[in-house]
Protein backbone atom coordinates (compact mmCIF):
# COMPACT_ATOMS: atom_id res chain seq x y z
CA UNK A 1 -0.01 0.04 0.01
CA UNK A 2 2.88 2.28 0.28
CA UNK A 3 3.14 2.26 -3.68
CA UNK A 4 -0.41 3.71 -3.58
CA UNK A 5 0.71 6.83 -1.58
CA UNK A 6 -1.96 6.32 1.19
CA UNK A 7 -1.44 8.55 4.11
CA UNK A 8 -1.02 6.98 7.58
CA UNK A 9 -4.67 7.39 8.70
CA UNK A 10 -5.85 5.84 5.27
CA UNK A 11 -3.49 2.94 5.82
CA UNK A 12 -4.90 2.61 9.49
CA UNK A 13 -8.54 2.38 8.05
CA UNK A 14 -7.68 -0.01 5.35
CA UNK A 15 -5.90 -2.46 7.77
CA UNK A 16 -8.42 -2.08 10.56
CA UNK A 17 -11.31 -3.04 8.45
CA UNK A 18 -9.14 -5.63 6.63
CA UNK A 19 -8.22 -7.48 9.90
CA UNK A 20 -11.80 -7.59 11.08
CA UNK A 21 -12.93 -9.00 7.81
CA UNK A 22 -9.91 -11.53 8.27
CA UNK A 23 -11.31 -12.69 11.74
CA UNK A 24 -14.90 -13.04 10.40
CA UNK A 25 -13.16 -15.51 7.67
CA UNK A 26 -11.38 -17.20 10.44
CA UNK A 27 -14.35 -17.98 12.47
CA UNK A 28 -16.60 -19.17 9.98
CA UNK A 29 -13.99 -21.53 8.22
CA UNK A 30 -12.86 -22.81 11.56
CA UNK A 31 -16.59 -24.13 11.73
CA UNK A 32 -16.75 -25.42 8.15
CA UNK A 33 -13.28 -27.33 8.86
CA UNK A 34 -14.64 -29.09 11.94
CA UNK A 35 -18.22 -29.64 10.69
CA UNK A 36 -17.71 -33.47 10.57
CA UNK A 37 -16.45 -33.50 14.28
CA UNK A 38 -18.97 -31.07 15.40
CA UNK A 39 -21.62 -33.30 14.06
CA UNK A 40 -20.33 -36.18 16.19
CA UNK A 41 -19.82 -34.05 19.33
CA UNK A 42 -23.12 -32.15 19.38
CA UNK A 43 -25.51 -33.91 16.93
CA UNK A 44 -24.66 -37.65 17.72
CA UNK A 45 -27.69 -38.96 15.35
CA UNK A 46 -27.98 -42.63 14.32
CA UNK A 47 -27.75 -41.53 10.51
CA UNK A 48 -24.39 -39.73 9.90
CA UNK A 49 -25.74 -37.61 6.98
CA UNK A 50 -28.56 -36.26 9.21
CA UNK A 51 -25.93 -35.25 11.74
CA UNK A 52 -24.05 -33.54 9.01
CA UNK A 53 -27.08 -31.68 7.75
CA UNK A 54 -27.92 -30.80 11.45
CA UNK A 55 -24.57 -29.32 11.79
CA UNK A 56 -24.71 -27.42 8.72
CA UNK A 57 -28.09 -26.08 9.77
CA UNK A 58 -26.39 -24.92 13.02
CA UNK A 59 -23.64 -23.27 10.59
CA UNK A 60 -26.38 -21.60 8.46
CA UNK A 61 -27.95 -19.93 11.68
CA UNK A 62 -24.80 -17.95 11.90
CA UNK A 63 -25.29 -16.85 8.22
CA UNK A 64 -29.07 -16.17 8.68
CA UNK A 65 -28.45 -13.89 11.48
CA UNK A 66 -25.89 -11.64 9.67
CA UNK A 67 -28.41 -9.68 7.47
CA UNK A 68 -30.25 -8.74 10.76
CA UNK A 69 -26.72 -7.72 12.22
CA UNK A 70 -25.99 -5.84 8.85
CA UNK A 71 -29.03 -3.84 9.23
CA UNK A 72 -28.74 -3.13 12.94
CA UNK A 73 -25.14 -2.04 12.81
CA UNK A 74 -25.46 -0.58 9.54
CA UNK A 75 -28.20 1.65 10.87
CA UNK A 76 -26.11 2.37 13.94
CA UNK A 77 -23.06 3.29 11.68
CA UNK A 78 -25.11 5.59 9.49
CA UNK A 79 -26.38 7.45 12.59
CA UNK A 80 -23.42 7.37 15.05
CA UNK A 81 -20.51 6.72 12.93
CA UNK A 82 -18.63 3.92 11.10
CA UNK A 83 -15.88 3.53 13.68
CA UNK A 84 -18.02 3.25 16.83
CA UNK A 85 -19.99 0.49 15.02
CA UNK A 86 -16.64 -1.45 14.05
CA UNK A 87 -15.44 -1.21 17.69
CA UNK A 88 -18.67 -2.70 19.01
CA UNK A 89 -18.77 -5.66 16.27
CA UNK A 90 -15.11 -6.71 16.47
CA UNK A 91 -15.48 -7.02 20.23
CA UNK A 92 -18.90 -8.97 19.98
CA UNK A 93 -17.73 -11.63 17.41
CA UNK A 94 -14.29 -12.01 19.09
CA UNK A 95 -15.69 -13.04 22.41
CA UNK A 96 -18.23 -15.41 20.61
CA UNK A 97 -15.48 -17.10 18.53
CA UNK A 98 -13.31 -17.65 21.98
CA UNK A 99 -16.67 -19.02 23.91
CA UNK A 100 -17.17 -21.52 21.14
CA UNK A 101 -14.20 -23.42 22.54
CA UNK A 102 -15.73 -23.50 25.87
CA UNK A 103 -18.95 -25.07 24.70
CA UNK A 104 -20.15 -28.56 26.49
CA UNK A 105 -20.57 -31.39 24.17
CA UNK A 106 -23.51 -33.92 23.93
CA UNK A 107 -21.76 -36.25 26.26
CA UNK A 108 -21.31 -33.63 28.88
CA UNK A 109 -24.67 -31.78 28.58
CA UNK A 110 -27.06 -33.84 26.44
CA UNK A 111 -29.61 -31.79 24.46
CA UNK A 112 -28.39 -28.43 25.95
CA UNK A 113 -25.13 -28.94 24.02
CA UNK A 114 -26.48 -28.23 20.58
CA UNK A 115 -28.84 -25.37 22.00
CA UNK A 116 -25.97 -23.75 23.51
CA UNK A 117 -24.14 -24.03 20.18
CA UNK A 118 -26.86 -22.75 18.26
CA UNK A 119 -27.50 -19.75 20.64
CA UNK A 120 -23.87 -18.90 20.36
CA UNK A 121 -23.94 -19.01 16.69
CA UNK A 122 -26.86 -16.81 16.64
CA UNK A 123 -24.75 -14.04 18.69
CA UNK A 124 -21.89 -14.70 16.36
CA UNK A 125 -23.80 -14.17 13.25
CA UNK A 126 -25.40 -11.03 14.49
CA UNK A 127 -22.12 -9.15 15.47
CA UNK A 128 -20.30 -10.56 12.24
CA UNK A 129 -23.30 -9.20 10.06
CA UNK A 130 -22.57 -5.67 11.24
CA UNK A 131 -18.62 -6.00 10.51
CA UNK A 132 -18.54 -6.21 6.68
CA UNK A 133 -20.57 -3.16 5.86
CA UNK A 134 -18.94 -0.57 8.26
CA UNK A 135 -15.47 -1.70 7.36
CA UNK A 136 -16.09 -1.74 3.56
CA UNK A 137 -17.89 1.76 3.76
CA UNK A 138 -15.32 3.65 5.70
CA UNK A 139 -12.47 2.22 3.68
CA UNK A 140 -14.03 3.26 0.39
CA UNK A 141 -15.07 6.62 1.67
CA UNK A 142 -11.44 7.19 3.03
CA UNK A 143 -9.18 5.89 0.05
CA UNK A 144 -8.66 7.81 -3.22
CA UNK A 145 -11.19 7.21 -5.94
CA UNK A 146 -8.61 5.84 -8.56
CA UNK A 147 -7.61 2.99 -6.05
CA UNK A 148 -11.09 2.07 -4.98
CA UNK A 149 -11.20 -1.05 -7.18
CA UNK A 150 -7.80 -2.55 -6.04
CA UNK A 151 -8.51 -1.68 -2.41
CA UNK A 152 -11.86 -3.26 -2.72
CA UNK A 153 -10.45 -6.45 -3.96
CA UNK A 154 -7.73 -6.17 -1.09
CA UNK A 155 -10.30 -5.61 1.57
CA UNK A 156 -12.42 -8.51 0.34
CA UNK A 157 -9.25 -10.62 0.44
CA UNK A 158 -9.21 -10.32 4.30
CA UNK A 159 -12.06 -12.96 4.34
CA UNK A 160 -9.83 -15.35 2.50
CA UNK A 161 -6.67 -14.62 4.42
CA UNK A 162 -8.60 -15.50 7.53
CA UNK A 163 -9.46 -18.83 5.65
CA UNK A 164 -5.83 -19.25 5.05
CA UNK A 165 -4.82 -18.82 8.63
CA UNK A 166 -7.61 -21.22 9.79
CA UNK A 167 -6.57 -23.83 7.45
CA UNK A 168 -2.98 -23.48 8.78
CA UNK A 169 -3.98 -23.50 12.23
CA UNK A 170 -6.25 -26.72 11.37
CA UNK A 171 -3.16 -28.20 10.12
CA UNK A 172 -0.90 -27.52 12.79
CA UNK A 173 -3.45 -28.31 15.51
CA UNK A 174 -3.88 -31.85 13.90
CA UNK A 175 -0.24 -32.17 14.20
CA UNK A 176 -0.08 -31.36 17.88
CA UNK A 177 -3.57 -32.97 18.84
CA UNK A 178 -3.76 -36.26 16.64
CA UNK A 179 -7.00 -38.22 16.54
CA UNK A 180 -8.66 -38.48 19.90
CA UNK A 181 -6.99 -35.56 21.27
CA UNK A 182 -8.05 -33.41 18.53
CA UNK A 183 -11.63 -34.37 19.39
CA UNK A 184 -11.15 -33.71 23.14
CA UNK A 185 -9.31 -30.38 23.04
CA UNK A 186 -7.86 -29.56 19.76
CA UNK A 187 -10.94 -28.13 18.21
CA UNK A 188 -11.48 -26.14 21.33
CA UNK A 189 -7.72 -24.65 20.98
CA UNK A 190 -8.61 -23.61 17.40
CA UNK A 191 -11.45 -21.40 18.56
CA UNK A 192 -9.61 -19.94 21.51
CA UNK A 193 -6.98 -18.48 18.95
CA UNK A 194 -9.81 -16.31 17.34
CA UNK A 195 -9.35 -13.76 20.26
CA UNK A 196 -5.72 -12.81 19.06
CA UNK A 197 -6.67 -11.26 15.60
CA UNK A 198 -9.61 -9.68 17.39
CA UNK A 199 -7.42 -7.89 19.84
CA UNK A 200 -5.07 -6.66 17.32
CA UNK A 201 -7.99 -5.23 15.20
CA UNK A 202 -9.64 -3.67 18.05
CA UNK A 203 -6.12 -1.83 18.83
CA UNK A 204 -5.84 -0.54 15.28
CA UNK A 205 -9.60 0.69 15.35
CA UNK A 206 -9.25 2.90 18.48
CA UNK A 207 -6.46 4.67 16.41
CA UNK A 208 -8.77 5.06 13.36
CA UNK A 209 -10.43 8.53 12.41
CA UNK A 210 -14.02 8.66 11.43
CA UNK A 211 -14.96 8.82 7.73
CA UNK A 212 -14.81 12.48 6.57
CA UNK A 213 -17.79 11.83 4.35
CA UNK A 214 -19.89 10.65 7.12
CA UNK A 215 -18.96 13.60 9.35
CA UNK A 216 -19.65 16.05 6.59
CA UNK A 217 -22.96 14.57 6.10
CA UNK A 218 -23.65 14.20 9.85
CA UNK A 219 -22.92 18.21 10.32
CA UNK A 220 -24.48 19.34 7.08
CA UNK A 221 -27.89 20.78 6.63
CA UNK A 222 -27.69 21.11 2.87
CA UNK A 223 -27.46 18.55 -0.03
CA UNK A 224 -30.54 16.87 1.36
CA UNK A 225 -30.23 17.59 5.14
CA UNK A 226 -28.82 16.10 7.88
CA UNK A 227 -28.31 12.45 8.60
CA UNK A 228 -31.46 10.20 8.38
CA UNK A 229 -33.25 9.55 11.72
CA UNK A 230 -33.75 6.17 10.51
CA UNK A 231 -31.57 5.15 7.66
CA UNK A 232 -32.66 1.47 7.37
CA UNK A 233 -36.30 2.67 7.17
CA UNK A 234 -35.51 5.20 4.52
CA UNK A 235 -33.65 2.32 2.68
CA UNK A 236 -36.75 0.17 2.75
CA UNK A 237 -39.53 2.55 2.32
CA UNK A 238 -37.99 4.84 -0.21
CA UNK A 239 -39.16 3.55 -3.87
CA UNK A 240 -35.93 4.50 -5.51
CA UNK A 241 -33.42 3.12 -2.71
CA UNK A 242 -35.67 0.20 -2.17
CA UNK A 243 -35.18 -0.87 -6.08
CA UNK A 244 -31.48 -0.18 -5.70
CA UNK A 245 -31.45 -2.42 -2.74
CA UNK A 246 -33.38 -5.14 -4.53
CA UNK A 247 -31.16 -5.18 -7.54
CA UNK A 248 -28.15 -5.26 -5.57
CA UNK A 249 -29.47 -8.10 -3.27
CA UNK A 250 -29.96 -10.43 -6.39
CA UNK A 251 -26.28 -9.95 -7.21
CA UNK A 252 -25.16 -10.69 -3.66
CA UNK A 253 -27.38 -13.75 -3.57
CA UNK A 254 -25.73 -15.18 -6.68
CA UNK A 255 -22.32 -14.53 -5.35
CA UNK A 256 -23.13 -15.96 -1.98
CA UNK A 257 -24.62 -19.14 -3.65
CA UNK A 258 -21.68 -19.50 -5.82
CA UNK A 259 -19.16 -19.00 -3.00
CA UNK A 260 -20.99 -21.52 -0.42
CA UNK A 261 -21.43 -24.08 -3.22
CA UNK A 262 -17.74 -24.26 -3.60
CA UNK A 263 -15.67 -22.81 -0.72
CA UNK A 264 -18.27 -23.23 1.92
CA UNK A 265 -18.99 -27.01 0.95
CA UNK A 266 -15.40 -27.76 -0.12
CA UNK A 267 -13.98 -29.32 3.28
CA UNK A 268 -17.13 -31.56 3.46
CA UNK A 269 -16.94 -32.47 -0.01
CA UNK A 270 -13.32 -33.56 0.04
CA UNK A 271 -13.74 -35.50 3.18
CA UNK A 272 -17.15 -37.07 2.74
CA UNK A 273 -17.38 -37.51 -0.97
CA UNK A 274 -13.76 -37.79 -2.16
CA UNK A 275 -12.63 -39.33 1.19
CA UNK A 276 -9.28 -37.69 1.46
CA UNK A 277 -7.05 -37.42 4.44
CA UNK A 278 -7.50 -34.65 6.79
CA UNK A 279 -3.74 -33.56 6.27
CA UNK A 280 -4.49 -33.34 2.31
CA UNK A 281 -7.79 -31.56 3.08
CA UNK A 282 -5.94 -29.01 5.15
CA UNK A 283 -3.40 -28.54 2.19
CA UNK A 284 -5.96 -28.24 -0.34
CA UNK A 285 -8.04 -25.82 1.64
CA UNK A 286 -4.94 -23.48 1.86
CA UNK A 287 -4.45 -23.92 -1.99
CA UNK A 288 -8.27 -22.83 -2.34
CA UNK A 289 -8.12 -19.91 -0.17
CA UNK A 290 -4.80 -18.39 -1.29
CA UNK A 291 -6.58 -18.78 -4.84
CA UNK A 292 -9.64 -17.02 -3.63
CA UNK A 293 -7.47 -14.29 -2.03
CA UNK A 294 -5.58 -13.67 -5.24
CA UNK A 295 -8.64 -13.82 -7.31
CA UNK A 296 -10.56 -11.18 -5.34
CA UNK A 297 -7.67 -8.99 -5.49
CA UNK A 298 -7.41 -9.44 -9.23
CA UNK A 299 -11.23 -8.86 -9.84
CA UNK A 300 -11.07 -5.70 -7.67
CA UNK A 301 -8.20 -4.40 -9.75
CA UNK A 302 -9.82 -5.43 -13.08
CA UNK A 303 -12.95 -3.62 -11.91
CA UNK A 304 -11.22 -0.16 -11.99
CA UNK A 305 -10.14 -0.94 -15.52
CA UNK A 306 -13.32 -2.35 -17.25
CA UNK A 307 -15.89 -1.66 -14.53
CA UNK A 308 -17.42 -3.36 -11.64
CA UNK A 309 -20.18 -5.28 -13.40
CA UNK A 310 -18.16 -6.42 -16.25
CA UNK A 311 -15.36 -7.78 -13.98
CA UNK A 312 -18.00 -9.60 -11.94
CA UNK A 313 -19.70 -11.04 -14.97
CA UNK A 314 -16.51 -12.29 -16.63
CA UNK A 315 -15.80 -14.81 -13.62
CA UNK A 316 -19.51 -15.77 -13.36
CA UNK A 317 -19.73 -16.66 -17.27
CA UNK A 318 -16.39 -18.60 -16.72
CA UNK A 319 -17.61 -20.40 -13.76
CA UNK A 320 -20.82 -21.64 -15.58
CA UNK A 321 -18.94 -23.01 -18.35
CA UNK A 322 -16.19 -24.67 -16.20
CA UNK A 323 -18.14 -25.81 -13.31
CA UNK A 324 -18.98 -29.38 -14.39
CA UNK A 325 -15.62 -30.22 -16.21
CA UNK A 326 -13.45 -29.03 -13.50
CA UNK A 327 -15.47 -30.80 -10.60
CA UNK A 328 -15.56 -34.05 -12.94
CA UNK A 329 -11.73 -33.72 -13.09
CA UNK A 330 -11.30 -32.96 -9.38
CA UNK A 331 -13.63 -35.81 -8.50
CA UNK A 332 -11.48 -38.28 -10.53
CA UNK A 333 -8.19 -36.98 -10.01
CA UNK A 334 -5.50 -39.60 -8.96
CA UNK A 335 -2.78 -37.30 -7.51
CA UNK A 336 -2.39 -34.17 -5.24
CA UNK A 337 -1.03 -32.28 -7.90
CA UNK A 338 -3.93 -32.88 -10.21
CA UNK A 339 -6.62 -31.99 -7.44
CA UNK A 340 -4.45 -28.86 -6.84
CA UNK A 341 -4.72 -27.75 -10.47
CA UNK A 342 -8.53 -28.41 -10.50
CA UNK A 343 -9.09 -26.69 -7.09
CA UNK A 344 -7.35 -23.65 -8.23
CA UNK A 345 -9.22 -23.32 -11.55
CA UNK A 346 -12.64 -24.09 -9.43
CA UNK A 347 -12.11 -21.54 -6.81
CA UNK A 348 -10.75 -18.95 -9.11
CA UNK A 349 -13.68 -18.83 -11.41
CA UNK A 350 -16.53 -19.27 -8.66
CA UNK A 351 -15.33 -16.81 -5.92
CA UNK A 352 -13.30 -13.96 -7.53
CA UNK A 353 -16.40 -11.92 -8.25
CA UNK A 354 -16.49 -10.72 -4.72
CA UNK A 355 -13.48 -8.40 -5.28
CA UNK A 356 -15.35 -5.33 -6.64
CA UNK A 357 -18.37 -5.79 -4.17
CA UNK A 358 -17.07 -3.22 -1.32
CA UNK A 359 -16.54 -0.49 -3.94
CA UNK A 360 -19.73 -1.24 -5.87
CA UNK A 361 -22.24 -1.26 -2.83
CA UNK A 362 -20.29 1.95 -1.51
CA UNK A 363 -20.84 3.61 -4.71
CA UNK A 364 -24.36 2.58 -5.22
CA UNK A 365 -25.82 4.24 -2.13
CA UNK A 366 -25.59 7.96 -0.63
CA UNK A 367 -23.59 8.67 2.51
CA UNK A 368 -26.68 8.75 4.73
CA UNK A 369 -27.70 5.29 4.21
CA UNK A 370 -24.37 3.60 2.67
CA UNK A 371 -23.58 1.77 5.84
CA UNK A 372 -27.01 0.21 6.23
CA UNK A 373 -27.55 -0.48 2.50
CA UNK A 374 -24.13 -1.96 2.04
CA UNK A 375 -24.41 -4.20 5.32
CA UNK A 376 -27.82 -5.41 4.82
CA UNK A 377 -27.46 -5.88 1.00
CA UNK A 378 -24.00 -7.90 1.34
CA UNK A 379 -25.38 -10.13 4.15
CA UNK A 380 -28.88 -10.44 2.92
CA UNK A 381 -27.57 -12.47 -0.01
CA UNK A 382 -26.83 -15.08 2.75
CA UNK A 383 -30.63 -15.58 3.29
CA UNK A 384 -30.85 -17.65 0.12
CA UNK A 385 -27.14 -18.12 -1.08
CA UNK A 386 -25.91 -19.76 2.13
CA UNK A 387 -28.41 -22.65 1.75
CA UNK A 388 -26.03 -24.11 -1.20
CA UNK A 389 -24.28 -26.56 0.91
CA UNK A 390 -27.54 -28.01 2.33
CA UNK A 391 -28.87 -28.31 -1.35
CA UNK A 392 -25.64 -29.96 -2.23
CA UNK A 393 -25.62 -32.43 0.65
CA UNK A 394 -29.36 -33.39 -0.20
CA UNK A 395 -28.40 -33.53 -3.76
CA UNK A 396 -25.39 -35.67 -3.57
CA UNK A 397 -26.96 -38.14 -0.89
CA UNK A 398 -27.12 -41.62 -2.64
CA UNK A 399 -25.94 -40.50 -6.02
CA UNK A 400 -22.24 -41.00 -5.93
CA UNK A 401 -21.65 -41.36 -9.76
CA UNK A 402 -23.49 -38.04 -10.38
CA UNK A 403 -21.68 -36.19 -7.72
CA UNK A 404 -19.61 -33.88 -9.89
CA UNK A 405 -22.57 -33.17 -12.26
CA UNK A 406 -25.08 -32.35 -9.29
CA UNK A 407 -22.45 -30.19 -7.56
CA UNK A 408 -21.59 -28.49 -11.02
CA UNK A 409 -25.17 -27.67 -11.57
CA UNK A 410 -25.36 -26.08 -8.25
CA UNK A 411 -22.42 -23.84 -8.87
CA UNK A 412 -23.98 -22.89 -12.46
CA UNK A 413 -27.12 -21.86 -10.69
CA UNK A 414 -25.27 -19.29 -8.71
CA UNK A 415 -23.22 -18.12 -11.77
CA UNK A 416 -26.58 -17.52 -13.68
CA UNK A 417 -28.05 -15.54 -10.65
CA UNK A 418 -24.69 -13.28 -10.67
CA UNK A 419 -24.92 -12.74 -14.34
CA UNK A 420 -28.67 -11.44 -14.27
CA UNK A 421 -27.46 -9.18 -11.25
CA UNK A 422 -24.67 -7.88 -13.33
CA UNK A 423 -27.02 -7.21 -16.11
CA UNK A 424 -29.65 -5.16 -14.08
CA UNK A 425 -27.31 -3.10 -11.83
CA UNK A 426 -25.42 -0.10 -13.29
CA UNK A 427 -21.82 0.66 -13.41
CA UNK A 428 -20.58 2.76 -10.59
CA UNK A 429 -16.80 3.16 -10.63
CA UNK A 430 -17.00 6.81 -11.51
CA UNK A 431 -19.23 7.70 -8.59
CA UNK A 432 -17.52 10.44 -6.16
CA UNK A 433 -18.46 9.31 -2.58
CA UNK A 434 -17.79 12.75 -1.34
CA UNK A 435 -20.79 14.18 -3.25
CA UNK A 436 -23.20 11.25 -2.96
């Protein structure tokens, strides 16, 4: 970022937002990586497939709560400032991540074990839902217009960086706590480590300055008047803003569906359907997340050159074309090298479209409702998009020979929704955030 000529305060805002989004990715991916184990510890059902479905349902609870958190903290950020919202959210979901490691299992608490797990995931999702909107908006409002595309991709890559660190920690924890030890204490240690990036992000956020665009809007009585009394209400009841929100929501639904059909389902796909060793799964997850991290930065940078919607559409169209053949190749690959190559291609085309999203959503809505609209639209895509793993599990059950085709079809559905969203939303890269 030194090459971009950012000031010290601009760098602080970028890093503070990026670290928070990294922790969000870290927590969600820890849960994904241990879903098979969690299903045994918290949902000891007679049918293993039902146990996995129940665990995915507990995971989806976190995702479903995120739109509510996005709306609540987005509204808070528009009224009281992006920085204050970000301090509250990072504290909330750092504590929730840590507390997951303290949960009693079914053997310890019986039925109360999954109840506690689900309640904590509710809390986790609520705070995490407020994280993305405030961080994305304050970053885009702070950095120079000419760098918004690249820094949008960089900010979005934070989630994947959290994914990478989670995969590395998973790999190391398996080495330190093999087999039964991992089931007893190893998974708890993984969640305890979530407090560390949370404390670092909190320290940086206390040093951040508030968005000048928000301060100007908050203190101004011109250009549409002072800040909205209820930004979220204005978003939902203004015909113009509601239409913009709905169109953005369609795009986000497609992106979320495509992401969770691939990255979200990947650990379970590798373990339960390809039946790989945990050590190889961890390595392939590192490959996948580094690929996704690089892809979001690439797509963000590309969006500054050809436009936000075109950049997103390029990856979606490629994903629709390659999904089935790449998954077929991955499913039938014989070596780690082959699986690595197919993983890189699949994840690059299916997840990179998120890169321009922080910039696009910030550019699409005015300052007075930007935090509410961005956070709600981004997380709102999870209401439908996060169901992709459950759909995949249901479709793949008992259809071993059709696995690559059924999962490929799921990915294609997400890609088609993205293409519709990219078609109906306008180009925004030239929007001046200080005047909107």
